[in-house]
């Protein structure tokens, strides 16, 4: 369990550091082999991490699953940042490869093959910029909707 403390910016909205929030979402989204979750206290903005693979440093509150007290950090797919984002990038940047990319995503290991394709055609860095921008926009919007101020 990892806890991160953040102070409230005002009395109504707790603040959360964007980098910490991004790390939590990335951890959850990349945890394919084990259970992982992260929660943000609606009162303090403190992030609590749960995983069967990490040692507990901070005790998880007993009421961690009470959604009125804690917001569950979303998986990237919950924010439309998985395959849907890949297809959006493909349609905008390399529409002539849309069918090829769609085909790639019909089998396991798609992201690796997709990144290999982008690397081969010189667009991997452009993809990373596009992906990072979309991640940040979606995560900040989610946090705002949940009542947090993002620093």
N, C-alpha and C. Protein backbone atom coordinates (compact mmCIF):
# COMPACT_ATOMS: atom_id res chain seq x y z
N UNK A 1 0.83 -1.17 0.00
CA UNK A 1 0.00 0.00 0.00
C UNK A 1 0.88 1.24 0.00
N UNK A 2 0.60 2.16 -0.85
CA UNK A 2 1.35 3.39 -0.92
C UNK A 2 0.36 4.52 -0.72
N UNK A 3 0.67 5.45 0.15
CA UNK A 3 -0.19 6.60 0.36
C UNK A 3 0.55 7.86 -0.01
N UNK A 4 -0.13 8.79 -0.63
CA UNK A 4 0.48 10.07 -0.98
C UNK A 4 -0.40 11.16 -0.39
N UNK A 5 0.19 12.04 0.38
CA UNK A 5 -0.57 13.11 1.01
C UNK A 5 -0.59 14.35 0.13
N UNK A 6 -1.72 14.96 0.08
CA UNK A 6 -1.88 16.22 -0.63
C UNK A 6 -2.77 17.12 0.21
N UNK A 7 -2.50 18.38 0.16
CA UNK A 7 -3.27 19.32 0.96
C UNK A 7 -4.41 19.88 0.13
N UNK A 8 -5.45 20.27 0.82
CA UNK A 8 -6.58 20.89 0.13
C UNK A 8 -6.18 22.28 -0.33
N UNK A 9 -6.57 22.62 -1.52
CA UNK A 9 -6.33 23.96 -2.04
C UNK A 9 -7.40 24.91 -1.48
N UNK A 10 -8.62 24.43 -1.36
CA UNK A 10 -9.67 25.21 -0.71
C UNK A 10 -10.51 24.22 0.10
N UNK A 11 -11.49 24.75 0.83
CA UNK A 11 -12.24 23.89 1.74
C UNK A 11 -13.19 22.94 1.01
N UNK A 12 -13.47 23.18 -0.26
CA UNK A 12 -14.41 22.33 -0.96
C UNK A 12 -13.76 21.26 -1.81
N UNK A 13 -12.62 21.56 -2.40
CA UNK A 13 -12.01 20.62 -3.33
C UNK A 13 -10.62 20.22 -2.86
N UNK A 14 -10.46 18.93 -2.57
CA UNK A 14 -9.10 18.49 -2.25
C UNK A 14 -8.25 18.50 -3.52
N UNK A 15 -6.96 18.75 -3.37
CA UNK A 15 -6.09 18.76 -4.53
C UNK A 15 -5.32 17.44 -4.61
N UNK A 16 -4.99 17.10 -5.83
CA UNK A 16 -4.20 15.89 -6.09
C UNK A 16 -3.16 16.26 -7.14
N UNK A 17 -1.96 15.75 -6.97
CA UNK A 17 -0.87 16.01 -7.89
C UNK A 17 -1.10 15.21 -9.17
N UNK A 18 -0.97 15.86 -10.33
CA UNK A 18 -1.23 15.18 -11.59
C UNK A 18 -0.29 13.99 -11.80
N UNK A 19 0.96 14.16 -11.49
CA UNK A 19 1.93 13.08 -11.69
C UNK A 19 1.56 11.85 -10.85
N UNK A 20 1.14 12.08 -9.62
CA UNK A 20 0.72 10.97 -8.75
C UNK A 20 -0.52 10.28 -9.32
N UNK A 21 -1.45 11.08 -9.80
CA UNK A 21 -2.68 10.54 -10.38
C UNK A 21 -2.36 9.73 -11.64
N UNK A 22 -1.50 10.26 -12.47
CA UNK A 22 -1.09 9.56 -13.69
C UNK A 22 -0.38 8.24 -13.36
N UNK A 23 0.49 8.26 -12.35
CA UNK A 23 1.17 7.03 -11.93
C UNK A 23 0.16 5.98 -11.47
N UNK A 24 -0.84 6.42 -10.71
CA UNK A 24 -1.86 5.49 -10.22
C UNK A 24 -2.63 4.86 -11.38
N UNK A 25 -3.05 5.68 -12.35
CA UNK A 25 -3.78 5.15 -13.49
C UNK A 25 -2.89 4.22 -14.32
N UNK A 26 -1.65 4.59 -14.53
CA UNK A 26 -0.73 3.76 -15.30
C UNK A 26 -0.51 2.42 -14.62
N UNK A 27 -0.36 2.44 -13.31
CA UNK A 27 -0.15 1.21 -12.56
C UNK A 27 -1.35 0.28 -12.69
N UNK A 28 -2.53 0.84 -12.51
CA UNK A 28 -3.76 0.04 -12.62
C UNK A 28 -3.91 -0.51 -14.04
N UNK A 29 -3.66 0.34 -15.02
CA UNK A 29 -3.85 -0.04 -16.41
C UNK A 29 -2.84 -1.07 -16.89
N UNK A 30 -1.69 -1.14 -16.26
CA UNK A 30 -0.67 -2.11 -16.68
C UNK A 30 -0.67 -3.36 -15.82
N UNK A 31 -1.57 -3.44 -14.88
CA UNK A 31 -1.62 -4.58 -13.95
C UNK A 31 -2.52 -5.69 -14.51
N UNK A 32 -2.00 -6.42 -15.48
CA UNK A 32 -2.79 -7.47 -16.12
C UNK A 32 -2.77 -8.78 -15.35
N UNK A 33 -1.71 -9.02 -14.62
CA UNK A 33 -1.53 -10.32 -13.98
C UNK A 33 -1.99 -10.36 -12.53
N UNK A 34 -2.37 -9.23 -11.97
CA UNK A 34 -2.78 -9.21 -10.57
C UNK A 34 -3.78 -8.09 -10.34
N UNK A 35 -4.48 -8.19 -9.23
CA UNK A 35 -5.47 -7.18 -8.90
C UNK A 35 -4.77 -5.92 -8.42
N UNK A 36 -5.22 -4.80 -8.91
CA UNK A 36 -4.68 -3.52 -8.48
C UNK A 36 -5.78 -2.48 -8.54
N UNK A 37 -5.75 -1.57 -7.59
CA UNK A 37 -6.71 -0.48 -7.55
C UNK A 37 -6.06 0.69 -6.84
N UNK A 38 -6.58 1.86 -7.09
CA UNK A 38 -6.12 3.06 -6.39
C UNK A 38 -7.34 3.90 -6.08
N UNK A 39 -7.29 4.54 -4.93
CA UNK A 39 -8.42 5.34 -4.44
C UNK A 39 -7.89 6.69 -3.98
N UNK A 40 -8.72 7.72 -4.14
CA UNK A 40 -8.37 9.05 -3.67
C UNK A 40 -9.39 9.48 -2.64
N UNK A 41 -8.89 9.91 -1.50
CA UNK A 41 -9.77 10.42 -0.46
C UNK A 41 -10.42 11.70 -0.94
N UNK A 42 -11.74 11.75 -0.86
CA UNK A 42 -12.47 12.94 -1.27
C UNK A 42 -12.28 14.09 -0.28
N UNK A 43 -11.80 13.75 0.90
CA UNK A 43 -11.57 14.77 1.93
C UNK A 43 -10.16 15.37 1.84
N UNK A 44 -9.16 14.52 1.65
CA UNK A 44 -7.77 14.98 1.73
C UNK A 44 -7.01 14.96 0.41
N UNK A 45 -7.46 14.18 -0.57
CA UNK A 45 -6.72 14.02 -1.81
C UNK A 45 -5.62 12.98 -1.73
N UNK A 46 -5.52 12.29 -0.61
CA UNK A 46 -4.50 11.26 -0.45
C UNK A 46 -4.85 10.06 -1.32
N UNK A 47 -3.84 9.52 -2.01
CA UNK A 47 -4.04 8.37 -2.88
C UNK A 47 -3.60 7.12 -2.13
N UNK A 48 -4.47 6.13 -2.16
CA UNK A 48 -4.18 4.81 -1.57
C UNK A 48 -4.12 3.81 -2.70
N UNK A 49 -3.10 2.95 -2.66
CA UNK A 49 -2.92 1.94 -3.69
C UNK A 49 -3.16 0.58 -3.06
N UNK A 50 -3.85 -0.27 -3.79
CA UNK A 50 -4.05 -1.65 -3.36
C UNK A 50 -3.53 -2.57 -4.46
N UNK A 51 -2.80 -3.58 -4.05
CA UNK A 51 -2.31 -4.55 -5.00
C UNK A 51 -1.87 -5.80 -4.27
N UNK A 52 -2.07 -6.91 -4.92
CA UNK A 52 -1.58 -8.17 -4.35
C UNK A 52 -0.08 -8.30 -4.54
N UNK A 53 0.53 -7.39 -5.28
CA UNK A 53 1.95 -7.49 -5.62
C UNK A 53 2.86 -6.50 -4.91
N UNK A 54 2.32 -5.56 -4.12
CA UNK A 54 3.20 -4.61 -3.43
C UNK A 54 2.99 -4.72 -1.93
N UNK A 55 4.06 -4.46 -1.21
CA UNK A 55 4.00 -4.48 0.25
C UNK A 55 3.20 -3.29 0.75
N UNK A 56 2.50 -3.52 1.84
CA UNK A 56 1.72 -2.44 2.44
C UNK A 56 2.63 -1.52 3.24
N UNK A 57 2.64 -0.24 2.86
CA UNK A 57 3.39 0.76 3.62
C UNK A 57 2.42 1.54 4.51
N UNK A 58 1.27 1.83 3.99
CA UNK A 58 0.24 2.54 4.72
C UNK A 58 -0.97 1.63 4.81
N UNK A 59 -1.64 1.69 5.92
CA UNK A 59 -2.84 0.88 6.08
C UNK A 59 -3.98 1.49 5.27
N UNK A 60 -4.72 0.64 4.59
CA UNK A 60 -5.87 1.08 3.83
C UNK A 60 -7.02 1.29 4.80
N UNK A 61 -7.71 2.42 4.68
CA UNK A 61 -8.86 2.63 5.56
C UNK A 61 -9.92 1.54 5.37
N UNK A 62 -10.60 1.20 6.43
CA UNK A 62 -11.64 0.17 6.37
C UNK A 62 -12.77 0.54 5.41
N UNK A 63 -13.02 1.83 5.25
CA UNK A 63 -14.12 2.29 4.41
C UNK A 63 -13.67 2.69 3.00
N UNK A 64 -12.54 2.15 2.54
CA UNK A 64 -11.95 2.53 1.25
C UNK A 64 -12.90 2.33 0.07
N UNK A 65 -13.83 1.40 0.19
CA UNK A 65 -14.75 1.12 -0.92
C UNK A 65 -16.04 1.94 -0.87
N UNK A 66 -16.10 2.89 0.05
CA UNK A 66 -17.25 3.80 0.14
C UNK A 66 -17.03 4.93 -0.86
N UNK A 67 -17.78 4.89 -1.95
CA UNK A 67 -17.58 5.87 -3.03
C UNK A 67 -17.94 7.30 -2.64
N UNK A 68 -18.63 7.47 -1.53
CA UNK A 68 -18.90 8.83 -1.08
C UNK A 68 -17.67 9.43 -0.38
N UNK A 69 -16.74 8.57 0.04
CA UNK A 69 -15.53 9.01 0.73
C UNK A 69 -14.27 8.91 -0.13
N UNK A 70 -14.27 7.97 -1.09
CA UNK A 70 -13.09 7.73 -1.92
C UNK A 70 -13.50 7.55 -3.37
N UNK A 71 -12.77 8.17 -4.26
CA UNK A 71 -12.97 7.98 -5.70
C UNK A 71 -12.02 6.89 -6.17
N UNK A 72 -12.50 5.99 -6.99
CA UNK A 72 -11.66 4.94 -7.55
C UNK A 72 -10.98 5.48 -8.81
N UNK A 73 -9.66 5.46 -8.82
CA UNK A 73 -8.92 5.92 -9.99
C UNK A 73 -9.25 4.99 -11.16
N UNK A 74 -9.59 5.57 -12.31
CA UNK A 74 -10.02 4.73 -13.43
C UNK A 74 -8.86 4.05 -14.17
N UNK A 75 -9.19 2.94 -14.80
CA UNK A 75 -8.31 2.27 -15.76
C UNK A 75 -8.35 3.11 -17.03
N UNK A 76 -7.28 3.12 -17.80
CA UNK A 76 -7.26 3.93 -19.02
C UNK A 76 -8.39 3.56 -19.97
N UNK A 77 -8.79 2.30 -20.00
CA UNK A 77 -9.90 1.90 -20.88
C UNK A 77 -11.22 2.52 -20.44
N UNK A 78 -11.36 2.78 -19.14
CA UNK A 78 -12.58 3.43 -18.64
C UNK A 78 -12.71 4.85 -19.17
N UNK A 79 -11.58 5.43 -19.57
CA UNK A 79 -11.57 6.80 -20.08
C UNK A 79 -11.47 6.84 -21.61
N UNK A 80 -11.62 5.70 -22.24
CA UNK A 80 -11.55 5.65 -23.71
C UNK A 80 -10.14 5.81 -24.24
N UNK A 81 -9.15 5.37 -23.46
CA UNK A 81 -7.76 5.59 -23.84
C UNK A 81 -7.05 4.34 -24.32
N UNK A 82 -7.76 3.30 -24.60
CA UNK A 82 -7.14 2.07 -25.08
C UNK A 82 -7.21 1.99 -26.60
N UNK A 83 -7.81 0.93 -27.07
CA UNK A 83 -7.93 0.69 -28.51
C UNK A 83 -8.63 1.85 -29.23
N UNK A 84 -9.61 2.41 -28.59
CA UNK A 84 -10.36 3.52 -29.21
C UNK A 84 -9.43 4.69 -29.56
N UNK A 85 -8.47 4.98 -28.65
CA UNK A 85 -7.52 6.06 -28.90
C UNK A 85 -6.58 5.71 -30.06
N UNK A 86 -6.15 4.46 -30.11
CA UNK A 86 -5.30 4.00 -31.20
C UNK A 86 -6.01 4.21 -32.54
N UNK A 87 -7.27 3.82 -32.60
CA UNK A 87 -8.01 3.95 -33.85
C UNK A 87 -8.26 5.41 -34.22
N UNK A 88 -8.44 6.24 -33.22
CA UNK A 88 -8.60 7.68 -33.48
C UNK A 88 -7.32 8.26 -34.07
N UNK A 89 -6.18 7.94 -33.47
CA UNK A 89 -4.89 8.40 -33.99
C UNK A 89 -4.68 7.90 -35.41
N UNK A 90 -4.97 6.63 -35.63
CA UNK A 90 -4.79 6.03 -36.94
C UNK A 90 -5.65 6.73 -37.98
N UNK A 91 -6.91 6.98 -37.64
CA UNK A 91 -7.82 7.65 -38.58
C UNK A 91 -7.35 9.07 -38.91
N UNK A 92 -6.77 9.76 -37.94
CA UNK A 92 -6.33 11.13 -38.15
C UNK A 92 -4.98 11.24 -38.85
N UNK A 93 -4.06 10.33 -38.51
CA UNK A 93 -2.69 10.49 -38.96
C UNK A 93 -2.32 9.56 -40.12
N UNK A 94 -2.79 8.33 -40.07
CA UNK A 94 -2.46 7.37 -41.13
C UNK A 94 -3.72 6.60 -41.55
N UNK A 95 -4.69 7.33 -42.11
CA UNK A 95 -5.97 6.68 -42.46
C UNK A 95 -5.81 5.53 -43.45
N UNK A 96 -4.77 5.57 -44.28
CA UNK A 96 -4.56 4.48 -45.24
C UNK A 96 -4.14 3.18 -44.55
N UNK A 97 -3.79 3.25 -43.26
CA UNK A 97 -3.38 2.06 -42.49
C UNK A 97 -4.48 1.61 -41.52
N UNK A 98 -5.66 2.21 -41.61
CA UNK A 98 -6.73 1.92 -40.64
C UNK A 98 -7.10 0.43 -40.62
N UNK A 99 -7.30 -0.16 -41.77
CA UNK A 99 -7.67 -1.59 -41.82
C UNK A 99 -6.56 -2.46 -41.25
N UNK A 100 -5.32 -2.12 -41.56
CA UNK A 100 -4.18 -2.87 -41.03
C UNK A 100 -4.13 -2.80 -39.51
N UNK A 101 -4.32 -1.60 -38.96
CA UNK A 101 -4.28 -1.42 -37.51
C UNK A 101 -5.46 -2.13 -36.86
N UNK A 102 -6.63 -2.04 -37.45
CA UNK A 102 -7.80 -2.76 -36.91
C UNK A 102 -7.52 -4.25 -36.85
N UNK A 103 -6.88 -4.76 -37.86
CA UNK A 103 -6.53 -6.18 -37.91
C UNK A 103 -5.52 -6.54 -36.81
N UNK A 104 -4.57 -5.67 -36.57
CA UNK A 104 -3.57 -5.88 -35.51
C UNK A 104 -4.26 -6.09 -34.17
N UNK A 105 -5.32 -5.33 -33.93
CA UNK A 105 -6.00 -5.36 -32.63
C UNK A 105 -7.03 -6.48 -32.49
N UNK A 106 -6.98 -7.43 -33.37
CA UNK A 106 -7.84 -8.61 -33.24
C UNK A 106 -7.13 -9.78 -32.58
N UNK A 107 -5.84 -9.58 -32.27
CA UNK A 107 -5.05 -10.66 -31.66
C UNK A 107 -4.29 -10.13 -30.45
N UNK A 108 -3.91 -11.02 -29.55
CA UNK A 108 -3.10 -10.62 -28.39
C UNK A 108 -1.76 -10.02 -28.84
N UNK A 109 -1.22 -9.14 -28.01
CA UNK A 109 0.07 -8.50 -28.31
C UNK A 109 -0.05 -7.34 -29.27
N UNK A 110 -1.26 -6.80 -29.39
CA UNK A 110 -1.53 -5.76 -30.38
C UNK A 110 -0.71 -4.49 -30.16
N UNK A 111 -0.59 -4.03 -28.93
CA UNK A 111 0.11 -2.77 -28.70
C UNK A 111 1.57 -2.84 -29.12
N UNK A 112 2.19 -3.96 -28.87
CA UNK A 112 3.58 -4.14 -29.27
C UNK A 112 3.72 -4.10 -30.80
N UNK A 113 2.84 -4.80 -31.49
CA UNK A 113 2.88 -4.80 -32.95
C UNK A 113 2.53 -3.42 -33.51
N UNK A 114 1.59 -2.74 -32.87
CA UNK A 114 1.21 -1.39 -33.31
C UNK A 114 2.39 -0.43 -33.17
N UNK A 115 3.07 -0.50 -32.05
CA UNK A 115 4.22 0.38 -31.84
C UNK A 115 5.35 0.04 -32.80
N UNK A 116 5.52 -1.23 -33.12
CA UNK A 116 6.51 -1.62 -34.13
C UNK A 116 6.17 -1.01 -35.48
N UNK A 117 4.90 -1.05 -35.85
CA UNK A 117 4.46 -0.45 -37.11
C UNK A 117 4.76 1.05 -37.12
N UNK A 118 4.38 1.73 -36.03
CA UNK A 118 4.62 3.17 -35.97
C UNK A 118 6.11 3.50 -36.01
N UNK A 119 6.91 2.68 -35.36
CA UNK A 119 8.36 2.89 -35.40
C UNK A 119 8.88 2.72 -36.82
N UNK A 120 8.39 1.71 -37.51
CA UNK A 120 8.83 1.45 -38.89
C UNK A 120 8.51 2.61 -39.84
N UNK A 121 7.38 3.29 -39.58
CA UNK A 121 7.00 4.40 -40.48
C UNK A 121 7.32 5.77 -39.90
N UNK A 122 8.06 5.77 -38.79
CA UNK A 122 8.55 7.03 -38.22
C UNK A 122 7.52 7.85 -37.46
N UNK A 123 6.51 7.20 -36.91
CA UNK A 123 5.46 7.94 -36.21
C UNK A 123 5.34 7.57 -34.72
N UNK A 124 6.28 6.82 -34.20
CA UNK A 124 6.17 6.38 -32.81
C UNK A 124 6.19 7.56 -31.84
N UNK A 125 7.09 8.51 -32.04
CA UNK A 125 7.15 9.69 -31.14
C UNK A 125 5.87 10.53 -31.24
N UNK A 126 5.34 10.65 -32.43
CA UNK A 126 4.08 11.39 -32.61
C UNK A 126 2.94 10.70 -31.86
N UNK A 127 2.93 9.35 -31.90
CA UNK A 127 1.93 8.59 -31.16
C UNK A 127 2.06 8.85 -29.66
N UNK A 128 3.28 8.81 -29.14
CA UNK A 128 3.48 9.03 -27.70
C UNK A 128 2.99 10.42 -27.28
N UNK A 129 3.23 11.42 -28.09
CA UNK A 129 2.75 12.79 -27.79
C UNK A 129 1.23 12.82 -27.79
N UNK A 130 0.64 12.21 -28.79
CA UNK A 130 -0.82 12.15 -28.92
C UNK A 130 -1.43 11.42 -27.72
N UNK A 131 -0.85 10.27 -27.38
CA UNK A 131 -1.34 9.46 -26.27
C UNK A 131 -1.21 10.21 -24.94
N UNK A 132 -0.06 10.82 -24.71
CA UNK A 132 0.14 11.56 -23.45
C UNK A 132 -0.83 12.73 -23.31
N UNK A 133 -1.06 13.43 -24.40
CA UNK A 133 -2.00 14.55 -24.38
C UNK A 133 -3.42 14.07 -24.08
N UNK A 134 -3.83 12.99 -24.73
CA UNK A 134 -5.17 12.43 -24.50
C UNK A 134 -5.31 11.91 -23.09
N UNK A 135 -4.27 11.24 -22.58
CA UNK A 135 -4.29 10.74 -21.20
C UNK A 135 -4.49 11.89 -20.22
N UNK A 136 -3.71 12.94 -20.40
CA UNK A 136 -3.78 14.06 -19.46
C UNK A 136 -5.13 14.75 -19.52
N UNK A 137 -5.63 14.99 -20.70
CA UNK A 137 -6.93 15.64 -20.84
C UNK A 137 -8.03 14.82 -20.18
N UNK A 138 -8.06 13.52 -20.46
CA UNK A 138 -9.11 12.65 -19.91
C UNK A 138 -8.99 12.51 -18.40
N UNK A 139 -7.78 12.39 -17.89
CA UNK A 139 -7.58 12.21 -16.46
C UNK A 139 -7.91 13.48 -15.69
N UNK A 140 -7.53 14.62 -16.23
CA UNK A 140 -7.89 15.90 -15.58
C UNK A 140 -9.41 16.11 -15.58
N UNK A 141 -10.05 15.76 -16.68
CA UNK A 141 -11.52 15.88 -16.76
C UNK A 141 -12.19 14.96 -15.74
N UNK A 142 -11.70 13.72 -15.65
CA UNK A 142 -12.24 12.78 -14.67
C UNK A 142 -12.09 13.34 -13.26
N UNK A 143 -10.90 13.84 -12.93
CA UNK A 143 -10.65 14.37 -11.58
C UNK A 143 -11.56 15.57 -11.30
N UNK A 144 -11.73 16.42 -12.25
CA UNK A 144 -12.63 17.57 -12.08
C UNK A 144 -14.06 17.10 -11.83
N UNK A 145 -14.52 16.13 -12.61
CA UNK A 145 -15.86 15.58 -12.44
C UNK A 145 -16.04 14.93 -11.07
N UNK A 146 -14.95 14.40 -10.52
CA UNK A 146 -14.99 13.76 -9.20
C UNK A 146 -14.82 14.77 -8.06
N UNK A 147 -14.59 16.04 -8.40
CA UNK A 147 -14.50 17.09 -7.38
C UNK A 147 -13.11 17.39 -6.88
N UNK A 148 -12.08 17.03 -7.65
CA UNK A 148 -10.71 17.29 -7.24
C UNK A 148 -10.11 18.44 -8.03
N UNK A 149 -9.20 19.15 -7.41
CA UNK A 149 -8.37 20.13 -8.09
C UNK A 149 -7.06 19.43 -8.41
N UNK A 150 -6.63 19.51 -9.66
CA UNK A 150 -5.40 18.85 -10.06
C UNK A 150 -4.29 19.86 -10.17
N UNK A 151 -3.17 19.57 -9.50
CA UNK A 151 -2.00 20.46 -9.54
C UNK A 151 -1.01 19.97 -10.55
